[in-house]
Amino acid sequence: MTAKVLIADDEPNIVVSLEFMMKRAGYQVLIARDGPSALEAIRRERPRLVLLDGTMPGMTGFDVCAAARADPELGGMKIVMLTAKGRDADIARGVGAGADAYVTKPFSTRDLVKMVQEMLA
């Protein structure tokens, strides 16, 4: 069974690029384009890993991360924050919300796929 990866981002170019790379790496890809639908997809689909944009409509990625981490039924899922917010305070906020990794935009999709493969190995 292939691992489910949720891409939660409101930037179409990033979604298309990540979806292509993750499918090519053999993952089942789910898409959410705002915070509330990302949290709903996490609860419904139980992905093994979430690529989560920090700033999305409706609910920030930081809030989605914190809500997912507060739910005991969602243990074992990996969360990678993908965001343009690269200040130390932003990184601390992401890690404090429970992110397993924090990647600032722009990023190398090849390096990101490698990170995902290592996290899910």
PDB file of N, CA and C in Angstrom:
ATOM      1  N   MET A   1       0.845  -1.188   0.000  1.00  0.00           N
ATOM      2  CA  MET A   1       0.000   0.000   0.000  1.00  0.00           C
ATOM      3  C   MET A   1       0.886   1.247   0.000  1.00  0.00           C
ATOM      4  N   THR A   2       0.592   2.180  -0.875  1.00  0.00           N
ATOM      5  CA  THR A   2       1.413   3.388  -0.951  1.00  0.00           C
ATOM      6  C   THR A   2       0.982   4.398   0.103  1.00  0.00           C
ATOM      7  N   ALA A   3       1.949   5.140   0.589  1.00  0.00           N
ATOM      8  CA  ALA A   3       1.686   6.142   1.618  1.00  0.00           C
ATOM      9  C   ALA A   3       0.915   7.316   1.030  1.00  0.00           C
ATOM     10  N   LYS A   4      -0.028   7.832   1.833  1.00  0.00           N
ATOM     11  CA  LYS A   4      -0.777   9.025   1.435  1.00  0.00           C
ATOM     12  C   LYS A   4      -0.008  10.255   1.880  1.00  0.00           C
ATOM     13  N   VAL A   5       0.122  11.218   0.960  1.00  0.00           N
ATOM     14  CA  VAL A   5       0.736  12.508   1.255  1.00  0.00           C
ATOM     15  C   VAL A   5      -0.285  13.586   0.918  1.00  0.00           C
ATOM     16  N   LEU A   6      -0.570  14.443   1.894  1.00  0.00           N
ATOM     17  CA  LEU A   6      -1.484  15.567   1.670  1.00  0.00           C
ATOM     18  C   LEU A   6      -0.670  16.812   1.377  1.00  0.00           C
ATOM     19  N   ILE A   7      -0.974  17.464   0.255  1.00  0.00           N
ATOM     20  CA  ILE A   7      -0.372  18.751  -0.083  1.00  0.00           C
ATOM     21  C   ILE A   7      -1.416  19.812   0.226  1.00  0.00           C
ATOM     22  N   ALA A   8      -1.132  20.655   1.212  1.00  0.00           N
ATOM     23  CA  ALA A   8      -2.062  21.712   1.611  1.00  0.00           C
ATOM     24  C   ALA A   8      -1.412  23.049   1.310  1.00  0.00           C
ATOM     25  N   ASP A   9      -1.816  23.662   0.201  1.00  0.00           N
ATOM     26  CA  ASP A   9      -1.230  24.927  -0.239  1.00  0.00           C
ATOM     27  C   ASP A   9      -2.233  25.619  -1.156  1.00  0.00           C
ATOM     28  N   ASP A  10      -2.261  26.943  -1.105  1.00  0.00           N
ATOM     29  CA  ASP A  10      -3.205  27.680  -1.954  1.00  0.00           C
ATOM     30  C   ASP A  10      -2.547  28.254  -3.209  1.00  0.00           C
ATOM     31  N   GLU A  11      -1.261  27.954  -3.435  1.00  0.00           N
ATOM     32  CA  GLU A  11      -0.582  28.432  -4.639  1.00  0.00           C
ATOM     33  C   GLU A  11      -0.590  27.330  -5.693  1.00  0.00           C
ATOM     34  N   PRO A  12      -1.380  27.513  -6.779  1.00  0.00           N
ATOM     35  CA  PRO A  12      -1.535  26.457  -7.790  1.00  0.00           C
ATOM     36  C   PRO A  12      -0.210  25.942  -8.358  1.00  0.00           C
ATOM     37  N   ASN A  13       0.757  26.823  -8.615  1.00  0.00           N
ATOM     38  CA  ASN A  13       2.030  26.383  -9.192  1.00  0.00           C
ATOM     39  C   ASN A  13       2.771  25.429  -8.268  1.00  0.00           C
ATOM     40  N   ILE A  14       2.729  25.706  -6.971  1.00  0.00           N
ATOM     41  CA  ILE A  14       3.395  24.838  -6.001  1.00  0.00           C
ATOM     42  C   ILE A  14       2.679  23.503  -5.911  1.00  0.00           C
ATOM     43  N   VAL A  15       1.341  23.540  -5.885  1.00  0.00           N
ATOM     44  CA  VAL A  15       0.553  22.306  -5.803  1.00  0.00           C
ATOM     45  C   VAL A  15       0.851  21.404  -7.004  1.00  0.00           C
ATOM     46  N   VAL A  16       0.840  21.971  -8.212  1.00  0.00           N
ATOM     47  CA  VAL A  16       1.076  21.182  -9.431  1.00  0.00           C
ATOM     48  C   VAL A  16       2.469  20.554  -9.395  1.00  0.00           C
ATOM     49  N   SER A  17       3.463  21.326  -9.036  1.00  0.00           N
ATOM     50  CA  SER A  17       4.835  20.840  -8.983  1.00  0.00           C
ATOM     51  C   SER A  17       5.004  19.735  -7.942  1.00  0.00           C
ATOM     52  N   LEU A  18       4.489  19.973  -6.725  1.00  0.00           N
ATOM     53  CA  LEU A  18       4.627  18.976  -5.658  1.00  0.00           C
ATOM     54  C   LEU A  18       3.828  17.717  -5.968  1.00  0.00           C
ATOM     55  N   GLU A  19       2.628  17.896  -6.524  1.00  0.00           N
ATOM     56  CA  GLU A  19       1.797  16.736  -6.859  1.00  0.00           C
ATOM     57  C   GLU A  19       2.535  15.844  -7.862  1.00  0.00           C
ATOM     58  N   PHE A  20       3.110  16.444  -8.890  1.00  0.00           N
ATOM     59  CA  PHE A  20       3.854  15.691  -9.902  1.00  0.00           C
ATOM     60  C   PHE A  20       5.023  14.928  -9.269  1.00  0.00           C
ATOM     61  N   MET A  21       5.810  15.628  -8.446  1.00  0.00           N
ATOM     62  CA  MET A  21       6.996  15.019  -7.832  1.00  0.00           C
ATOM     63  C   MET A  21       6.621  13.898  -6.854  1.00  0.00           C
ATOM     64  N   MET A  22       5.585  14.106  -6.068  1.00  0.00           N
ATOM     65  CA  MET A  22       5.185  13.091  -5.081  1.00  0.00           C
ATOM     66  C   MET A  22       4.595  11.858  -5.768  1.00  0.00           C
ATOM     67  N   LYS A  23       3.796  12.065  -6.815  1.00  0.00           N
ATOM     68  CA  LYS A  23       3.245  10.921  -7.553  1.00  0.00           C
ATOM     69  C   LYS A  23       4.372  10.148  -8.229  1.00  0.00           C
ATOM     70  N   ARG A  24       5.337  10.871  -8.786  1.00  0.00           N
ATOM     71  CA  ARG A  24       6.467  10.228  -9.440  1.00  0.00           C
ATOM     72  C   ARG A  24       7.286   9.400  -8.444  1.00  0.00           C
ATOM     73  N   ALA A  25       7.311   9.862  -7.185  1.00  0.00           N
ATOM     74  CA  ALA A  25       8.037   9.132  -6.137  1.00  0.00           C
ATOM     75  C   ALA A  25       7.216   7.957  -5.595  1.00  0.00           C
ATOM     76  N   GLY A  26       5.980   7.811  -6.090  1.00  0.00           N
ATOM     77  CA  GLY A  26       5.182   6.640  -5.733  1.00  0.00           C
ATOM     78  C   GLY A  26       4.165   6.844  -4.626  1.00  0.00           C
ATOM     79  N   TYR A  27       3.894   8.092  -4.261  1.00  0.00           N
ATOM     80  CA  TYR A  27       2.940   8.351  -3.185  1.00  0.00           C
ATOM     81  C   TYR A  27       1.549   8.608  -3.731  1.00  0.00           C
ATOM     82  N   GLN A  28       0.537   8.296  -2.914  1.00  0.00           N
ATOM     83  CA  GLN A  28      -0.851   8.655  -3.222  1.00  0.00           C
ATOM     84  C   GLN A  28      -1.006  10.101  -2.754  1.00  0.00           C
ATOM     85  N   VAL A  29      -1.413  11.002  -3.634  1.00  0.00           N
ATOM     86  CA  VAL A  29      -1.441  12.427  -3.319  1.00  0.00           C
ATOM     87  C   VAL A  29      -2.863  12.929  -3.112  1.00  0.00           C
ATOM     88  N   LEU A  30      -3.042  13.675  -2.022  1.00  0.00           N
ATOM     89  CA  LEU A  30      -4.300  14.359  -1.718  1.00  0.00           C
ATOM     90  C   LEU A  30      -4.001  15.850  -1.753  1.00  0.00           C
ATOM     91  N   ILE A  31      -5.005  16.656  -2.101  1.00  0.00           N
ATOM     92  CA  ILE A  31      -4.816  18.105  -2.216  1.00  0.00           C
ATOM     93  C   ILE A  31      -5.845  18.840  -1.362  1.00  0.00           C
ATOM     94  N   ALA A  32      -5.379  19.874  -0.670  1.00  0.00           N
ATOM     95  CA  ALA A  32      -6.278  20.798   0.038  1.00  0.00           C
ATOM     96  C   ALA A  32      -5.777  22.210  -0.266  1.00  0.00           C
ATOM     97  N   ARG A  33      -6.707  23.130  -0.522  1.00  0.00           N
ATOM     98  CA  ARG A  33      -6.302  24.472  -0.936  1.00  0.00           C
ATOM     99  C   ARG A  33      -6.547  25.556   0.110  1.00  0.00           C
ATOM    100  N   ASP A  34      -7.049  25.147   1.298  1.00  0.00           N
ATOM    101  CA  ASP A  34      -7.209  26.108   2.398  1.00  0.00           C
ATOM    102  C   ASP A  34      -7.100  25.359   3.719  1.00  0.00           C
ATOM    103  N   GLY A  35      -6.992  26.103   4.796  1.00  0.00           N
ATOM    104  CA  GLY A  35      -6.786  25.499   6.110  1.00  0.00           C
ATOM    105  C   GLY A  35      -7.893  24.557   6.561  1.00  0.00           C
ATOM    106  N   PRO A  36      -9.162  24.999   6.531  1.00  0.00           N
ATOM    107  CA  PRO A  36     -10.235  24.109   6.987  1.00  0.00           C
ATOM    108  C   PRO A  36     -10.318  22.800   6.201  1.00  0.00           C
ATOM    109  N   SER A  37     -10.153  22.864   4.872  1.00  0.00           N
ATOM    110  CA  SER A  37     -10.225  21.618   4.098  1.00  0.00           C
ATOM    111  C   SER A  37      -8.986  20.750   4.343  1.00  0.00           C
ATOM    112  N   ALA A  38      -7.852  21.359   4.682  1.00  0.00           N
ATOM    113  CA  ALA A  38      -6.655  20.582   5.029  1.00  0.00           C
ATOM    114  C   ALA A  38      -6.903  19.787   6.309  1.00  0.00           C
ATOM    115  N   LEU A  39      -7.457  20.440   7.314  1.00  0.00           N
ATOM    116  CA  LEU A  39      -7.726  19.758   8.581  1.00  0.00           C
ATOM    117  C   LEU A  39      -8.763  18.651   8.389  1.00  0.00           C
ATOM    118  N   GLU A  40      -9.788  18.917   7.588  1.00  0.00           N
ATOM    119  CA  GLU A  40     -10.802  17.906   7.296  1.00  0.00           C
ATOM    120  C   GLU A  40     -10.175  16.699   6.588  1.00  0.00           C
ATOM    121  N   ALA A  41      -9.295  16.962   5.610  1.00  0.00           N
ATOM    122  CA  ALA A  41      -8.636  15.875   4.873  1.00  0.00           C
ATOM    123  C   ALA A  41      -7.720  15.063   5.794  1.00  0.00           C
ATOM    124  N   ILE A  42      -7.043  15.742   6.714  1.00  0.00           N
ATOM    125  CA  ILE A  42      -6.181  15.046   7.676  1.00  0.00           C
ATOM    126  C   ILE A  42      -7.016  14.090   8.522  1.00  0.00           C
ATOM    127  N   ARG A  43      -8.146  14.577   9.018  1.00  0.00           N
ATOM    128  CA  ARG A  43      -9.004  13.745   9.878  1.00  0.00           C
ATOM    129  C   ARG A  43      -9.669  12.600   9.109  1.00  0.00           C
ATOM    130  N   ARG A  44     -10.067  12.873   7.874  1.00  0.00           N
ATOM    131  CA  ARG A  44     -10.787  11.879   7.072  1.00  0.00           C
ATOM    132  C   ARG A  44      -9.835  10.850   6.444  1.00  0.00           C
ATOM    133  N   GLU A  45      -8.739  11.313   5.871  1.00  0.00           N
ATOM    134  CA  GLU A  45      -7.860  10.452   5.072  1.00  0.00           C
ATOM    135  C   GLU A  45      -6.679   9.864   5.843  1.00  0.00           C
ATOM    136  N   ARG A  46      -6.325  10.469   6.971  1.00  0.00           N
ATOM    137  CA  ARG A  46      -5.186  10.002   7.779  1.00  0.00           C
ATOM    138  C   ARG A  46      -3.902   9.832   6.958  1.00  0.00           C
ATOM    139  N   PRO A  47      -3.428  10.903   6.306  1.00  0.00           N
ATOM    140  CA  PRO A  47      -2.197  10.769   5.515  1.00  0.00           C
ATOM    141  C   PRO A  47      -0.996  10.456   6.420  1.00  0.00           C
ATOM    142  N   ARG A  48       0.002   9.814   5.847  1.00  0.00           N
ATOM    143  CA  ARG A  48       1.234   9.538   6.605  1.00  0.00           C
ATOM    144  C   ARG A  48       2.056  10.801   6.769  1.00  0.00           C
ATOM    145  N   LEU A  49       1.930  11.728   5.769  1.00  0.00           N
ATOM    146  CA  LEU A  49       2.705  12.962   5.815  1.00  0.00           C
ATOM    147  C   LEU A  49       1.896  14.101   5.206  1.00  0.00           C
ATOM    148  N   VAL A  50       2.055  15.294   5.783  1.00  0.00           N
ATOM    149  CA  VAL A  50       1.368  16.488   5.282  1.00  0.00           C
ATOM    150  C   VAL A  50       2.419  17.537   4.940  1.00  0.00           C
ATOM    151  N   LEU A  51       2.330  18.070   3.712  1.00  0.00           N
ATOM    152  CA  LEU A  51       3.125  19.229   3.305  1.00  0.00           C
ATOM    153  C   LEU A  51       2.199  20.416   3.475  1.00  0.00           C
ATOM    154  N   LEU A  52       2.480  21.263   4.456  1.00  0.00           N
ATOM    155  CA  LEU A  52       1.520  22.256   4.930  1.00  0.00           C
ATOM    156  C   LEU A  52       2.034  23.675   4.778  1.00  0.00           C
ATOM    157  N   ASP A  53       1.356  24.461   3.941  1.00  0.00           N
ATOM    158  CA  ASP A  53       1.696  25.870   3.761  1.00  0.00           C
ATOM    159  C   ASP A  53       1.341  26.639   5.034  1.00  0.00           C
ATOM    160  N   GLY A  54       2.197  27.551   5.434  1.00  0.00           N
ATOM    161  CA  GLY A  54       1.954  28.324   6.651  1.00  0.00           C
ATOM    162  C   GLY A  54       0.826  29.328   6.521  1.00  0.00           C
ATOM    163  N   THR A  55       0.665  29.899   5.318  1.00  0.00           N
ATOM    164  CA  THR A  55      -0.361  30.923   5.135  1.00  0.00           C
ATOM    165  C   THR A  55      -1.361  30.475   4.063  1.00  0.00           C
ATOM    166  N   MET A  56      -2.539  30.075   4.542  1.00  0.00           N
ATOM    167  CA  MET A  56      -3.622  29.670   3.643  1.00  0.00           C
ATOM    168  C   MET A  56      -4.899  30.367   4.081  1.00  0.00           C
ATOM    169  N   PRO A  57      -5.865  30.468   3.174  1.00  0.00           N
ATOM    170  CA  PRO A  57      -7.147  31.084   3.542  1.00  0.00           C
ATOM    171  C   PRO A  57      -7.898  30.246   4.572  1.00  0.00           C
ATOM    172  N   GLY A  58      -8.675  30.922   5.400  1.00  0.00           N
ATOM    173  CA  GLY A  58      -9.569  30.240   6.336  1.00  0.00           C
ATOM    174  C   GLY A  58      -8.938  29.849   7.651  1.00  0.00           C
ATOM    175  N   MET A  59      -7.712  29.363   7.601  1.00  0.00           N
ATOM    176  CA  MET A  59      -7.027  28.874   8.800  1.00  0.00           C
ATOM    177  C   MET A  59      -5.559  28.713   8.418  1.00  0.00           C
ATOM    178  N   THR A  60      -4.646  29.246   9.214  1.00  0.00           N
ATOM    179  CA  THR A  60      -3.237  29.145   8.846  1.00  0.00           C
ATOM    180  C   THR A  60      -2.742  27.708   8.983  1.00  0.00           C
ATOM    181  N   GLY A  61      -1.660  27.426   8.288  1.00  0.00           N
ATOM    182  CA  GLY A  61      -1.036  26.121   8.414  1.00  0.00           C
ATOM    183  C   GLY A  61      -0.552  25.855   9.836  1.00  0.00           C
ATOM    184  N   PHE A  62      -0.127  26.917  10.515  1.00  0.00           N
ATOM    185  CA  PHE A  62       0.312  26.773  11.907  1.00  0.00           C
ATOM    186  C   PHE A  62      -0.852  26.286  12.777  1.00  0.00           C
ATOM    187  N   ASP A  63      -2.040  26.863  12.540  1.00  0.00           N
ATOM    188  CA  ASP A  63      -3.231  26.464  13.300  1.00  0.00           C
ATOM    189  C   ASP A  63      -3.674  25.042  12.945  1.00  0.00           C
ATOM    190  N   VAL A  64      -3.576  24.692  11.659  1.00  0.00           N
ATOM    191  CA  VAL A  64      -3.914  23.330  11.226  1.00  0.00           C
ATOM    192  C   VAL A  64      -2.972  22.337  11.907  1.00  0.00           C
ATOM    193  N   CYS A  65      -1.694  22.661  11.932  1.00  0.00           N
ATOM    194  CA  CYS A  65      -0.689  21.796  12.555  1.00  0.00           C
ATOM    195  C   CYS A  65      -0.995  21.602  14.039  1.00  0.00           C
ATOM    196  N   ALA A  66      -1.254  22.694  14.730  1.00  0.00           N
ATOM    197  CA  ALA A  66      -1.551  22.617  16.169  1.00  0.00           C
ATOM    198  C   ALA A  66      -2.816  21.794  16.428  1.00  0.00           C
ATOM    199  N   ALA A  67      -3.851  21.986  15.602  1.00  0.00           N
ATOM    200  CA  ALA A  67      -5.102  21.243  15.770  1.00  0.00           C
ATOM    201  C   ALA A  67      -4.885  19.749  15.521  1.00  0.00           C
ATOM    202  N   ALA A  68      -4.100  19.422  14.503  1.00  0.00           N
ATOM    203  CA  ALA A  68      -3.822  18.013  14.197  1.00  0.00           C
ATOM    204  C   ALA A  68      -3.027  17.373  15.334  1.00  0.00           C
ATOM    205  N   ARG A  69      -2.075  18.095  15.878  1.00  0.00           N
ATOM    206  CA  ARG A  69      -1.246  17.570  16.970  1.00  0.00           C
ATOM    207  C   ARG A  69      -2.044  17.430  18.275  1.00  0.00           C
ATOM    208  N   ALA A  70      -3.097  18.220  18.435  1.00  0.00           N
ATOM    209  CA  ALA A  70      -3.921  18.158  19.643  1.00  0.00           C
ATOM    210  C   ALA A  70      -4.877  16.967  19.618  1.00  0.00           C
ATOM    211  N   ASP A  71      -5.040  16.336  18.446  1.00  0.00           N
ATOM    212  CA  ASP A  71      -5.961  15.216  18.289  1.00  0.00           C
ATOM    213  C   ASP A  71      -5.202  13.900  18.489  1.00  0.00           C
ATOM    214  N   PRO A  72      -5.472  13.185  19.593  1.00  0.00           N
ATOM    215  CA  PRO A  72      -4.729  11.959  19.876  1.00  0.00           C
ATOM    216  C   PRO A  72      -4.902  10.858  18.825  1.00  0.00           C
ATOM    217  N   GLU A  73      -5.958  10.928  18.035  1.00  0.00           N
ATOM    218  CA  GLU A  73      -6.187   9.919  16.997  1.00  0.00           C
ATOM    219  C   GLU A  73      -5.284  10.104  15.784  1.00  0.00           C
ATOM    220  N   LEU A  74      -4.586  11.242  15.713  1.00  0.00           N
ATOM    221  CA  LEU A  74      -3.769  11.539  14.535  1.00  0.00           C
ATOM    222  C   LEU A  74      -2.275  11.338  14.790  1.00  0.00           C
ATOM    223  N   GLY A  75      -1.944  10.543  15.776  1.00  0.00           N
ATOM    224  CA  GLY A  75      -0.536  10.301  16.096  1.00  0.00           C
ATOM    225  C   GLY A  75       0.183   9.567  14.974  1.00  0.00           C
ATOM    226  N   GLY A  76       1.472   9.770  14.877  1.00  0.00           N
ATOM    227  CA  GLY A  76       2.292   9.077  13.890  1.00  0.00           C
ATOM    228  C   GLY A  76       2.393   9.762  12.549  1.00  0.00           C
ATOM    229  N   MET A  77       1.586  10.773  12.311  1.00  0.00           N
ATOM    230  CA  MET A  77       1.623  11.506  11.053  1.00  0.00           C
ATOM    231  C   MET A  77       2.778  12.513  11.091  1.00  0.00           C
ATOM    232  N   LYS A  78       3.486  12.644   9.982  1.00  0.00           N
ATOM    233  CA  LYS A  78       4.559  13.631   9.870  1.00  0.00           C
ATOM    234  C   LYS A  78       4.000  14.908   9.246  1.00  0.00           C
ATOM    235  N   ILE A  79       4.461  16.054   9.743  1.00  0.00           N
ATOM    236  CA  ILE A  79       4.035  17.345   9.189  1.00  0.00           C
ATOM    237  C   ILE A  79       5.267  18.160   8.825  1.00  0.00           C
ATOM    238  N   VAL A  80       5.311  18.599   7.560  1.00  0.00           N
ATOM    239  CA  VAL A  80       6.378  19.465   7.075  1.00  0.00           C
ATOM    240  C   VAL A  80       5.759  20.810   6.738  1.00  0.00           C
ATOM    241  N   MET A  81       6.155  21.849   7.453  1.00  0.00           N
ATOM    242  CA  MET A  81       5.688  23.204   7.140  1.00  0.00           C
ATOM    243  C   MET A  81       6.456  23.707   5.925  1.00  0.00           C
ATOM    244  N   LEU A  82       5.733  24.217   4.933  1.00  0.00           N
ATOM    245  CA  LEU A  82       6.321  24.830   3.738  1.00  0.00           C
ATOM    246  C   LEU A  82       5.841  26.266   3.707  1.00  0.00           C
ATOM    247  N   THR A  83       6.737  27.212   3.939  1.00  0.00           N
ATOM    248  CA  THR A  83       6.262  28.583   4.028  1.00  0.00           C
ATOM    249  C   THR A  83       7.325  29.593   3.642  1.00  0.00           C
ATOM    250  N   ALA A  84       6.866  30.751   3.199  1.00  0.00           N
ATOM    251  CA  ALA A  84       7.782  31.841   2.868  1.00  0.00           C
ATOM    252  C   ALA A  84       8.263  32.540   4.135  1.00  0.00           C
ATOM    253  N   LYS A  85       7.633  32.243   5.256  1.00  0.00           N
ATOM    254  CA  LYS A  85       8.002  32.882   6.521  1.00  0.00           C
ATOM    255  C   LYS A  85       9.250  32.202   7.087  1.00  0.00           C
ATOM    256  N   GLY A  86      10.392  32.873   6.947  1.00  0.00           N
ATOM    257  CA  GLY A  86      11.649  32.258   7.323  1.00  0.00           C
ATOM    258  C   GLY A  86      12.343  32.867   8.529  1.00  0.00           C
ATOM    259  N   ARG A  87      11.665  33.778   9.234  1.00  0.00           N
ATOM    260  CA  ARG A  87      12.298  34.369  10.420  1.00  0.00           C
ATOM    261  C   ARG A  87      12.375  33.335  11.534  1.00  0.00           C
ATOM    262  N   ASP A  88      13.307  33.537  12.451  1.00  0.00           N
ATOM    263  CA  ASP A  88      13.472  32.608  13.569  1.00  0.00           C
ATOM    264  C   ASP A  88      12.174  32.437  14.351  1.00  0.00           C
ATOM    265  N   ALA A  89      11.435  33.541  14.535  1.00  0.00           N
ATOM    266  CA  ALA A  89      10.173  33.474  15.284  1.00  0.00           C
ATOM    267  C   ALA A  89       9.153  32.597  14.556  1.00  0.00           C
ATOM    268  N   ASP A  90       9.139  32.654  13.221  1.00  0.00           N
ATOM    269  CA  ASP A  90       8.215  31.833  12.434  1.00  0.00           C
ATOM    270  C   ASP A  90       8.577  30.357  12.536  1.00  0.00           C
ATOM    271  N   ILE A  91       9.876  30.074  12.461  1.00  0.00           N
ATOM    272  CA  ILE A  91      10.345  28.694  12.565  1.00  0.00           C
ATOM    273  C   ILE A  91       9.994  28.139  13.947  1.00  0.00           C
ATOM    274  N   ALA A  92      10.214  28.945  14.977  1.00  0.00           N
ATOM    275  CA  ALA A  92       9.883  28.532  16.347  1.00  0.00           C
ATOM    276  C   ALA A  92       8.385  28.272  16.477  1.00  0.00           C
ATOM    277  N   ARG A  93       7.571  29.101  15.815  1.00  0.00           N
ATOM    278  CA  ARG A  93       6.114  28.919  15.849  1.00  0.00           C
ATOM    279  C   ARG A  93       5.721  27.594  15.194  1.00  0.00           C
ATOM    280  N   GLY A  94       6.350  27.275  14.059  1.00  0.00           N
ATOM    281  CA  GLY A  94       6.053  26.022  13.361  1.00  0.00           C
ATOM    282  C   GLY A  94       6.452  24.805  14.175  1.00  0.00           C
ATOM    283  N   VAL A  95       7.649  24.857  14.750  1.00  0.00           N
ATOM    284  CA  VAL A  95       8.119  23.742  15.580  1.00  0.00           C
ATOM    285  C   VAL A  95       7.258  23.642  16.843  1.00  0.00           C
ATOM    286  N   GLY A  96       6.892  24.795  17.403  1.00  0.00           N
ATOM    287  CA  GLY A  96       6.037  24.818  18.589  1.00  0.00           C
ATOM    288  C   GLY A  96       4.653  24.255  18.321  1.00  0.00           C
ATOM    289  N   ALA A  97       4.168  24.416  17.087  1.00  0.00           N
ATOM    290  CA  ALA A  97       2.850  23.880  16.716  1.00  0.00           C
ATOM    291  C   ALA A  97       2.908  22.371  16.489  1.00  0.00           C
ATOM    292  N   GLY A  98       4.132  21.831  16.396  1.00  0.00           N
ATOM    293  CA  GLY A  98       4.271  20.386  16.258  1.00  0.00           C
ATOM    294  C   GLY A  98       4.810  19.898  14.926  1.00  0.00           C
ATOM    295  N   ALA A  99       5.319  20.819  14.092  1.00  0.00           N
ATOM    296  CA  ALA A  99       5.874  20.401  12.800  1.00  0.00           C
ATOM    297  C   ALA A  99       7.125  19.549  13.009  1.00  0.00           C
ATOM    298  N   ASP A 100       7.265  18.534  12.173  1.00  0.00           N
ATOM    299  CA  ASP A 100       8.449  17.676  12.220  1.00  0.00           C
ATOM    300  C   ASP A 100       9.614  18.296  11.464  1.00  0.00           C
ATOM    301  N   ALA A 101       9.288  19.154  10.491  1.00  0.00           N
ATOM    302  CA  ALA A 101      10.316  19.836   9.704  1.00  0.00           C
ATOM    303  C   ALA A 101       9.746  21.162   9.219  1.00  0.00           C
ATOM    304  N   TYR A 102      10.651  22.091   8.897  1.00  0.00           N
ATOM    305  CA  TYR A 102      10.252  23.431   8.479  1.00  0.00           C
ATOM    306  C   TYR A 102      11.093  23.796   7.261  1.00  0.00           C
ATOM    307  N   VAL A 103      10.434  24.013   6.134  1.00  0.00           N
ATOM    308  CA  VAL A 103      11.128  24.318   4.882  1.00  0.00           C
ATOM    309  C   VAL A 103      10.648  25.679   4.376  1.00  0.00           C
ATOM    310  N   THR A 104      11.592  26.564   4.091  1.00  0.00           N
ATOM    311  CA  THR A 104      11.202  27.889   3.602  1.00  0.00           C
ATOM    312  C   THR A 104      11.165  27.907   2.073  1.00  0.00           C
ATOM    313  N   LYS A 105      10.195  28.666   1.551  1.00  0.00           N
ATOM    314  CA  LYS A 105      10.052  28.876   0.104  1.00  0.00           C
ATOM    315  C   LYS A 105      10.985  30.011  -0.302  1.00  0.00           C
ATOM    316  N   PRO A 106      11.571  29.971  -1.489  1.00  0.00           N
ATOM    317  CA  PRO A 106      11.528  28.858  -2.443  1.00  0.00           C
ATOM    318  C   PRO A 106      12.391  27.695  -1.960  1.00  0.00           C
ATOM    319  N   PHE A 107      12.050  26.490  -2.417  1.00  0.00           N
ATOM    320  CA  PHE A 107      12.774  25.290  -1.995  1.00  0.00           C
ATOM    321  C   PHE A 107      13.012  24.414  -3.214  1.00  0.00           C
ATOM    322  N   SER A 108      13.928  23.484  -3.075  1.00  0.00           N
ATOM    323  CA  SER A 108      14.217  22.519  -4.131  1.00  0.00           C
ATOM    324  C   SER A 108      13.222  21.363  -4.005  1.00  0.00           C
ATOM    325  N   THR A 109      12.418  21.127  -5.045  1.00  0.00           N
ATOM    326  CA  THR A 109      11.468  20.021  -4.978  1.00  0.00           C
ATOM    327  C   THR A 109      12.207  18.693  -4.868  1.00  0.00           C
ATOM    328  N   ARG A 110      13.353  18.580  -5.503  1.00  0.00           N
ATOM    329  CA  ARG A 110      14.132  17.332  -5.425  1.00  0.00           C
ATOM    330  C   ARG A 110      14.562  17.070  -3.980  1.00  0.00           C
ATOM    331  N   ASP A 111      15.063  18.109  -3.306  1.00  0.00           N
ATOM    332  CA  ASP A 111      15.476  17.955  -1.904  1.00  0.00           C
ATOM    333  C   ASP A 111      14.275  17.633  -1.015  1.00  0.00           C
ATOM    334  N   LEU A 112      13.134  18.246  -1.327  1.00  0.00           N
ATOM    335  CA  LEU A 112      11.931  18.000  -0.535  1.00  0.00           C
ATOM    336  C   LEU A 112      11.465  16.551  -0.685  1.00  0.00           C
ATOM    337  N   VAL A 113      11.482  16.019  -1.904  1.00  0.00           N
ATOM    338  CA  VAL A 113      11.087  14.629  -2.130  1.00  0.00           C
ATOM    339  C   VAL A 113      12.025  13.708  -1.348  1.00  0.00           C
ATOM    340  N   LYS A 114      13.309  14.008  -1.365  1.00  0.00           N
ATOM    341  CA  LYS A 114      14.283  13.194  -0.625  1.00  0.00           C
ATOM    342  C   LYS A 114      13.961  13.226   0.880  1.00  0.00           C
ATOM    343  N   MET A 115      13.634  14.415   1.388  1.00  0.00           N
ATOM    344  CA  MET A 115      13.277  14.549   2.808  1.00  0.00           C
ATOM    345  C   MET A 115      12.039  13.709   3.128  1.00  0.00           C
ATOM    346  N   VAL A 116      11.024  13.782   2.266  1.00  0.00           N
ATOM    347  CA  VAL A 116       9.790  13.021   2.472  1.00  0.00           C
ATOM    348  C   VAL A 116      10.100  11.523   2.486  1.00  0.00           C
ATOM    349  N   GLN A 117      10.909  11.069   1.527  1.00  0.00           N
ATOM    350  CA  GLN A 117      11.256   9.649   1.469  1.00  0.00           C
ATOM    351  C   GLN A 117      11.958   9.202   2.749  1.00  0.00           C
ATOM    352  N   GLU A 118      12.862  10.040   3.271  1.00  0.00           N
ATOM    353  CA  GLU A 118      13.568   9.705   4.498  1.00  0.00           C
ATOM    354  C   GLU A 118      12.612   9.682   5.705  1.00  0.00           C
ATOM    355  N   MET A 119      11.687  10.644   5.748  1.00  0.00           N
ATOM    356  CA  MET A 119      10.747  10.703   6.868  1.00  0.00           C
ATOM    357  C   MET A 119       9.788   9.520   6.872  1.00  0.00           C
ATOM    358  N   LEU A 120       9.457   8.989   5.699  1.00  0.00           N
ATOM    359  CA  LEU A 120       8.500   7.899   5.610  1.00  0.00           C
ATOM    360  C   LEU A 120       9.163   6.516   5.527  1.00  0.00           C
ATOM    361  N   ALA A 121      10.490   6.485   5.532  1.00  0.00           N
ATOM    362  CA  ALA A 121      11.211   5.210   5.426  1.00  0.00           C
ATOM    363  C   ALA A 121      11.009   4.361   6.682  1.00  0.00           C
TER     364      ALA A 121
END
